[in-house]
Amino acid sequence: MRIDKDLVAASATPLVLGILEGEKMHGYAIIKRVSELSGDEMQWTDGMLYPLLHRLERLGYLRSSWGTSEAGRRRKDYAITEAGRAALAERRGQWDVVAAALRQVWHTAQRPPAMETGWA
C-alpha cells in the first residue's frame, strides 16, 4: 500500500520522537524501526529522515552525539530531550483526538438514511 505523503509528513515527528523516547539511535536504526512498526508499509529514505532530524534538533527536541558503530565507523546518534518529551506528549494528545474522530467516522457514525425514490 502506498501511504500518502501528507500522512507520512504529519506522522513523522511523533514517530521519530516516540521511537527515540525509548533509546538513542542513529538514522539507519530509526528508518529500520519505522519499517518494522509499520509492517514494512512505510519505507523512509535518508532524504526524508535527515532533514527532519536536523529540524527537530534545531527546535531543541533532539540532541545528537558522535559515536562509533560496531564496525568501527563514525555515526551520529540522536536522543530525545525534555523539550522533545513535552512536544511528544502534546502530539500524542493531538493524535488521540484525530484517531478518535476517525474511529467514529469509520466505525460508529450512523449512515445517512437511504434516499427515497424520486429524489435526484
N, C-alpha and C. Protein backbone atom coordinates (compact mmCIF):
# COMPACT_ATOMS: atom_id res chain seq x y z
N MET A 1 0.84 -1.17 0.00
CA MET A 1 0.00 0.00 0.00
C MET A 1 0.89 1.24 0.00
N ARG A 2 0.54 2.19 -0.78
CA ARG A 2 1.25 3.46 -0.79
C ARG A 2 0.57 4.41 0.18
N ILE A 3 1.33 4.95 1.11
CA ILE A 3 0.78 5.88 2.10
C ILE A 3 1.02 7.30 1.59
N ASP A 4 -0.04 8.08 1.57
CA ASP A 4 0.00 9.43 1.06
C ASP A 4 1.09 10.24 1.76
N LYS A 5 1.82 11.06 1.00
CA LYS A 5 2.94 11.80 1.56
C LYS A 5 2.51 12.79 2.62
N ASP A 6 1.30 13.33 2.53
CA ASP A 6 0.81 14.24 3.57
C ASP A 6 0.65 13.52 4.91
N LEU A 7 0.18 12.28 4.86
CA LEU A 7 0.02 11.49 6.08
C LEU A 7 1.38 11.10 6.65
N VAL A 8 2.31 10.77 5.78
CA VAL A 8 3.68 10.46 6.22
C VAL A 8 4.28 11.68 6.90
N ALA A 9 4.13 12.84 6.28
CA ALA A 9 4.70 14.07 6.83
C ALA A 9 4.07 14.41 8.19
N ALA A 10 2.77 14.24 8.30
CA ALA A 10 2.08 14.57 9.55
C ALA A 10 2.48 13.63 10.69
N SER A 11 2.80 12.40 10.36
CA SER A 11 3.13 11.42 11.39
C SER A 11 4.63 11.33 11.69
N ALA A 12 5.46 11.96 10.89
CA ALA A 12 6.91 11.79 11.02
C ALA A 12 7.45 12.26 12.36
N THR A 13 7.09 13.45 12.79
CA THR A 13 7.62 13.97 14.06
C THR A 13 7.22 13.10 15.25
N PRO A 14 5.93 12.78 15.43
CA PRO A 14 5.61 11.94 16.58
C PRO A 14 6.22 10.54 16.48
N LEU A 15 6.38 10.02 15.27
CA LEU A 15 7.02 8.71 15.13
C LEU A 15 8.48 8.76 15.60
N VAL A 16 9.22 9.74 15.11
CA VAL A 16 10.63 9.84 15.47
C VAL A 16 10.79 10.10 16.96
N LEU A 17 10.01 11.04 17.49
CA LEU A 17 10.12 11.34 18.93
C LEU A 17 9.72 10.12 19.76
N GLY A 18 8.69 9.41 19.34
CA GLY A 18 8.26 8.22 20.07
C GLY A 18 9.29 7.11 20.03
N ILE A 19 9.92 6.93 18.89
CA ILE A 19 10.97 5.91 18.76
C ILE A 19 12.15 6.27 19.66
N LEU A 20 12.53 7.53 19.66
CA LEU A 20 13.69 7.96 20.45
C LEU A 20 13.38 8.11 21.93
N GLU A 21 12.12 8.05 22.30
CA GLU A 21 11.75 8.12 23.72
C GLU A 21 12.33 6.93 24.47
N GLY A 22 12.44 5.80 23.78
CA GLY A 22 12.93 4.59 24.43
C GLY A 22 14.44 4.50 24.51
N GLU A 23 15.14 4.97 23.48
CA GLU A 23 16.60 4.87 23.47
C GLU A 23 17.17 5.75 22.37
N LYS A 24 18.43 6.11 22.51
CA LYS A 24 19.07 6.88 21.44
C LYS A 24 19.37 5.93 20.28
N MET A 25 19.34 6.49 19.07
CA MET A 25 19.55 5.70 17.86
C MET A 25 20.21 6.54 16.80
N HIS A 26 20.83 5.87 15.84
CA HIS A 26 21.34 6.54 14.66
C HIS A 26 20.29 6.48 13.57
N GLY A 27 20.49 7.25 12.51
CA GLY A 27 19.48 7.39 11.47
C GLY A 27 19.02 6.10 10.84
N TYR A 28 19.96 5.23 10.47
CA TYR A 28 19.56 3.98 9.82
C TYR A 28 18.68 3.14 10.75
N ALA A 29 18.99 3.13 12.05
CA ALA A 29 18.18 2.36 13.01
C ALA A 29 16.77 2.93 13.11
N ILE A 30 16.63 4.25 13.00
CA ILE A 30 15.30 4.87 13.04
C ILE A 30 14.51 4.45 11.80
N ILE A 31 15.14 4.50 10.63
CA ILE A 31 14.48 4.09 9.39
C ILE A 31 14.02 2.63 9.50
N LYS A 32 14.89 1.78 10.01
CA LYS A 32 14.56 0.36 10.17
C LYS A 32 13.40 0.17 11.15
N ARG A 33 13.39 0.94 12.23
CA ARG A 33 12.33 0.81 13.23
C ARG A 33 10.98 1.26 12.67
N VAL A 34 10.97 2.33 11.89
CA VAL A 34 9.72 2.77 11.25
C VAL A 34 9.18 1.66 10.35
N SER A 35 10.05 1.05 9.60
CA SER A 35 9.64 -0.05 8.72
C SER A 35 9.06 -1.21 9.54
N GLU A 36 9.73 -1.57 10.62
CA GLU A 36 9.25 -2.66 11.49
C GLU A 36 7.89 -2.32 12.08
N LEU A 37 7.75 -1.11 12.63
CA LEU A 37 6.50 -0.71 13.27
C LEU A 37 5.33 -0.68 12.30
N SER A 38 5.59 -0.41 11.03
CA SER A 38 4.53 -0.31 10.04
C SER A 38 4.32 -1.60 9.25
N GLY A 39 4.97 -2.68 9.68
CA GLY A 39 4.85 -3.92 8.93
C GLY A 39 5.40 -3.78 7.54
N ASP A 40 6.46 -3.00 7.39
CA ASP A 40 7.13 -2.72 6.12
C ASP A 40 6.28 -1.92 5.14
N GLU A 41 5.23 -1.28 5.63
CA GLU A 41 4.38 -0.44 4.76
C GLU A 41 4.96 0.95 4.57
N MET A 42 5.75 1.42 5.54
CA MET A 42 6.36 2.75 5.44
C MET A 42 7.85 2.56 5.20
N GLN A 43 8.32 3.03 4.07
CA GLN A 43 9.73 2.91 3.71
C GLN A 43 10.33 4.31 3.62
N TRP A 44 10.92 4.76 4.71
CA TRP A 44 11.53 6.07 4.73
C TRP A 44 12.90 6.02 4.07
N THR A 45 13.33 7.16 3.57
CA THR A 45 14.66 7.28 2.96
C THR A 45 15.50 8.25 3.79
N ASP A 46 16.81 8.22 3.54
CA ASP A 46 17.71 9.18 4.19
C ASP A 46 17.27 10.60 3.89
N GLY A 47 16.88 10.85 2.65
CA GLY A 47 16.49 12.18 2.23
C GLY A 47 15.25 12.70 2.91
N MET A 48 14.45 11.81 3.45
CA MET A 48 13.27 12.22 4.20
C MET A 48 13.60 12.36 5.68
N LEU A 49 14.42 11.45 6.22
CA LEU A 49 14.68 11.43 7.66
C LEU A 49 15.63 12.52 8.12
N TYR A 50 16.76 12.68 7.46
CA TYR A 50 17.79 13.58 8.00
C TYR A 50 17.37 15.04 8.06
N PRO A 51 16.64 15.57 7.09
CA PRO A 51 16.13 16.95 7.28
C PRO A 51 15.21 17.06 8.51
N LEU A 52 14.41 16.02 8.75
CA LEU A 52 13.54 16.02 9.93
C LEU A 52 14.37 15.99 11.21
N LEU A 53 15.38 15.11 11.26
CA LEU A 53 16.23 15.05 12.45
C LEU A 53 16.91 16.39 12.70
N HIS A 54 17.41 17.02 11.65
CA HIS A 54 18.07 18.32 11.81
C HIS A 54 17.09 19.39 12.29
N ARG A 55 15.87 19.37 11.77
CA ARG A 55 14.86 20.34 12.21
C ARG A 55 14.50 20.10 13.68
N LEU A 56 14.32 18.84 14.08
CA LEU A 56 13.98 18.54 15.47
C LEU A 56 15.12 18.91 16.41
N GLU A 57 16.34 18.79 15.92
CA GLU A 57 17.49 19.20 16.72
C GLU A 57 17.52 20.72 16.87
N ARG A 58 17.25 21.46 15.79
CA ARG A 58 17.21 22.93 15.86
C ARG A 58 16.13 23.40 16.82
N LEU A 59 15.00 22.68 16.86
CA LEU A 59 13.91 23.03 17.76
C LEU A 59 14.21 22.69 19.22
N GLY A 60 15.28 21.94 19.44
CA GLY A 60 15.64 21.54 20.79
C GLY A 60 14.97 20.27 21.26
N TYR A 61 14.31 19.55 20.35
CA TYR A 61 13.62 18.31 20.70
C TYR A 61 14.56 17.11 20.74
N LEU A 62 15.68 17.22 20.02
CA LEU A 62 16.68 16.15 19.97
C LEU A 62 18.05 16.74 20.24
N ARG A 63 18.95 15.89 20.69
CA ARG A 63 20.37 16.24 20.73
C ARG A 63 21.11 15.10 20.05
N SER A 64 22.23 15.44 19.47
CA SER A 64 23.00 14.41 18.77
C SER A 64 24.40 14.34 19.35
N SER A 65 25.00 13.18 19.15
CA SER A 65 26.39 13.00 19.57
C SER A 65 27.03 11.99 18.63
N TRP A 66 28.32 12.16 18.42
CA TRP A 66 29.04 11.24 17.54
C TRP A 66 29.48 10.02 18.33
N GLY A 67 29.30 8.87 17.72
CA GLY A 67 29.73 7.62 18.31
C GLY A 67 30.38 6.76 17.25
N THR A 68 30.65 5.53 17.61
CA THR A 68 31.28 4.57 16.70
C THR A 68 30.43 3.32 16.64
N SER A 69 30.18 2.86 15.42
CA SER A 69 29.41 1.63 15.24
C SER A 69 30.26 0.42 15.61
N GLU A 70 29.62 -0.73 15.66
CA GLU A 70 30.32 -1.98 15.94
C GLU A 70 31.39 -2.26 14.88
N ALA A 71 31.17 -1.75 13.68
CA ALA A 71 32.11 -1.94 12.58
C ALA A 71 33.24 -0.91 12.60
N GLY A 72 33.21 0.01 13.58
CA GLY A 72 34.26 0.99 13.70
C GLY A 72 34.03 2.29 12.94
N ARG A 73 32.86 2.44 12.31
CA ARG A 73 32.56 3.66 11.56
C ARG A 73 31.94 4.70 12.49
N ARG A 74 32.26 5.96 12.21
CA ARG A 74 31.62 7.04 12.97
C ARG A 74 30.16 7.17 12.55
N ARG A 75 29.32 7.43 13.53
CA ARG A 75 27.91 7.66 13.23
C ARG A 75 27.35 8.63 14.26
N LYS A 76 26.30 9.32 13.86
CA LYS A 76 25.66 10.29 14.73
C LYS A 76 24.45 9.63 15.38
N ASP A 77 24.41 9.68 16.71
CA ASP A 77 23.28 9.14 17.45
C ASP A 77 22.39 10.29 17.89
N TYR A 78 21.09 10.04 17.94
CA TYR A 78 20.12 11.04 18.33
C TYR A 78 19.38 10.58 19.58
N ALA A 79 19.11 11.53 20.47
CA ALA A 79 18.39 11.24 21.71
C ALA A 79 17.35 12.34 21.92
N ILE A 80 16.25 11.99 22.54
CA ILE A 80 15.19 12.96 22.81
C ILE A 80 15.58 13.80 24.03
N THR A 81 15.19 15.06 24.03
CA THR A 81 15.43 15.97 25.15
C THR A 81 14.13 16.12 25.96
N GLU A 82 14.20 16.85 27.06
CA GLU A 82 12.99 17.12 27.83
C GLU A 82 11.99 17.93 27.00
N ALA A 83 12.49 18.87 26.22
CA ALA A 83 11.59 19.64 25.33
C ALA A 83 10.94 18.70 24.31
N GLY A 84 11.70 17.72 23.83
CA GLY A 84 11.16 16.74 22.90
C GLY A 84 10.10 15.87 23.55
N ARG A 85 10.31 15.51 24.81
CA ARG A 85 9.30 14.72 25.54
C ARG A 85 8.01 15.52 25.71
N ALA A 86 8.14 16.80 25.99
CA ALA A 86 6.96 17.66 26.12
C ALA A 86 6.24 17.78 24.77
N ALA A 87 7.00 17.96 23.70
CA ALA A 87 6.40 18.04 22.36
C ALA A 87 5.71 16.73 22.00
N LEU A 88 6.32 15.60 22.37
CA LEU A 88 5.71 14.30 22.09
C LEU A 88 4.40 14.14 22.86
N ALA A 89 4.37 14.56 24.11
CA ALA A 89 3.13 14.48 24.90
C ALA A 89 2.02 15.30 24.24
N GLU A 90 2.38 16.50 23.75
CA GLU A 90 1.40 17.35 23.06
C GLU A 90 0.91 16.68 21.79
N ARG A 91 1.83 16.11 21.01
CA ARG A 91 1.44 15.43 19.76
C ARG A 91 0.57 14.20 20.05
N ARG A 92 0.88 13.48 21.11
CA ARG A 92 0.04 12.32 21.47
C ARG A 92 -1.40 12.75 21.71
N GLY A 93 -1.57 13.83 22.44
CA GLY A 93 -2.91 14.33 22.69
C GLY A 93 -3.63 14.70 21.40
N GLN A 94 -2.91 15.35 20.49
CA GLN A 94 -3.50 15.73 19.22
C GLN A 94 -3.90 14.49 18.41
N TRP A 95 -2.99 13.51 18.35
CA TRP A 95 -3.29 12.29 17.58
C TRP A 95 -4.43 11.51 18.20
N ASP A 96 -4.54 11.52 19.53
CA ASP A 96 -5.66 10.82 20.19
C ASP A 96 -6.99 11.41 19.74
N VAL A 97 -7.06 12.74 19.65
CA VAL A 97 -8.29 13.40 19.20
C VAL A 97 -8.60 13.03 17.76
N VAL A 98 -7.60 13.12 16.89
CA VAL A 98 -7.79 12.79 15.47
C VAL A 98 -8.19 11.33 15.30
N ALA A 99 -7.48 10.43 15.98
CA ALA A 99 -7.78 8.99 15.86
C ALA A 99 -9.19 8.68 16.36
N ALA A 100 -9.60 9.30 17.45
CA ALA A 100 -10.96 9.06 17.98
C ALA A 100 -12.01 9.55 16.99
N ALA A 101 -11.78 10.70 16.38
CA ALA A 101 -12.73 11.20 15.39
C ALA A 101 -12.82 10.27 14.19
N LEU A 102 -11.66 9.80 13.72
CA LEU A 102 -11.66 8.88 12.57
C LEU A 102 -12.36 7.57 12.92
N ARG A 103 -12.13 7.05 14.13
CA ARG A 103 -12.81 5.81 14.54
C ARG A 103 -14.32 6.00 14.51
N GLN A 104 -14.77 7.15 14.99
CA GLN A 104 -16.21 7.40 14.98
C GLN A 104 -16.75 7.48 13.56
N VAL A 105 -16.03 8.15 12.69
CA VAL A 105 -16.49 8.28 11.30
C VAL A 105 -16.54 6.90 10.65
N TRP A 106 -15.50 6.10 10.85
CA TRP A 106 -15.39 4.82 10.14
C TRP A 106 -16.15 3.68 10.79
N HIS A 107 -16.38 3.75 12.08
CA HIS A 107 -16.95 2.57 12.75
C HIS A 107 -18.27 2.82 13.46
N THR A 108 -18.51 4.01 13.97
CA THR A 108 -19.71 4.18 14.78
C THR A 108 -20.67 5.25 14.28
N ALA A 109 -20.25 6.06 13.34
CA ALA A 109 -21.14 7.11 12.83
C ALA A 109 -22.30 6.46 12.08
N GLN A 110 -23.48 7.02 12.28
CA GLN A 110 -24.64 6.49 11.57
C GLN A 110 -24.56 6.87 10.12
N ARG A 111 -24.96 5.96 9.29
CA ARG A 111 -25.03 6.24 7.87
C ARG A 111 -26.31 7.04 7.62
N PRO A 112 -26.27 7.93 6.63
CA PRO A 112 -27.49 8.70 6.34
C PRO A 112 -28.58 7.75 5.85
N PRO A 113 -29.83 8.12 6.10
CA PRO A 113 -30.93 7.25 5.63
C PRO A 113 -30.89 7.13 4.10
N ALA A 114 -31.36 5.99 3.64
CA ALA A 114 -31.39 5.75 2.20
C ALA A 114 -32.27 6.80 1.53
N MET A 115 -31.82 7.23 0.39
CA MET A 115 -32.60 8.24 -0.33
C MET A 115 -33.90 7.62 -0.82
N GLU A 116 -34.96 8.38 -0.65
CA GLU A 116 -36.25 7.90 -1.14
C GLU A 116 -36.27 7.95 -2.65
N THR A 117 -37.03 7.08 -3.22
CA THR A 117 -37.12 7.06 -4.67
C THR A 117 -37.73 8.38 -5.16
N GLY A 118 -37.27 8.83 -6.26
CA GLY A 118 -37.78 10.07 -6.83
C GLY A 118 -36.88 11.26 -6.52
N TRP A 119 -35.96 11.09 -5.56
CA TRP A 119 -35.02 12.18 -5.25
C TRP A 119 -33.87 12.13 -6.25
N ALA A 120 -33.45 13.28 -6.68
CA ALA A 120 -32.33 13.29 -7.61
C ALA A 120 -31.08 13.78 -6.95
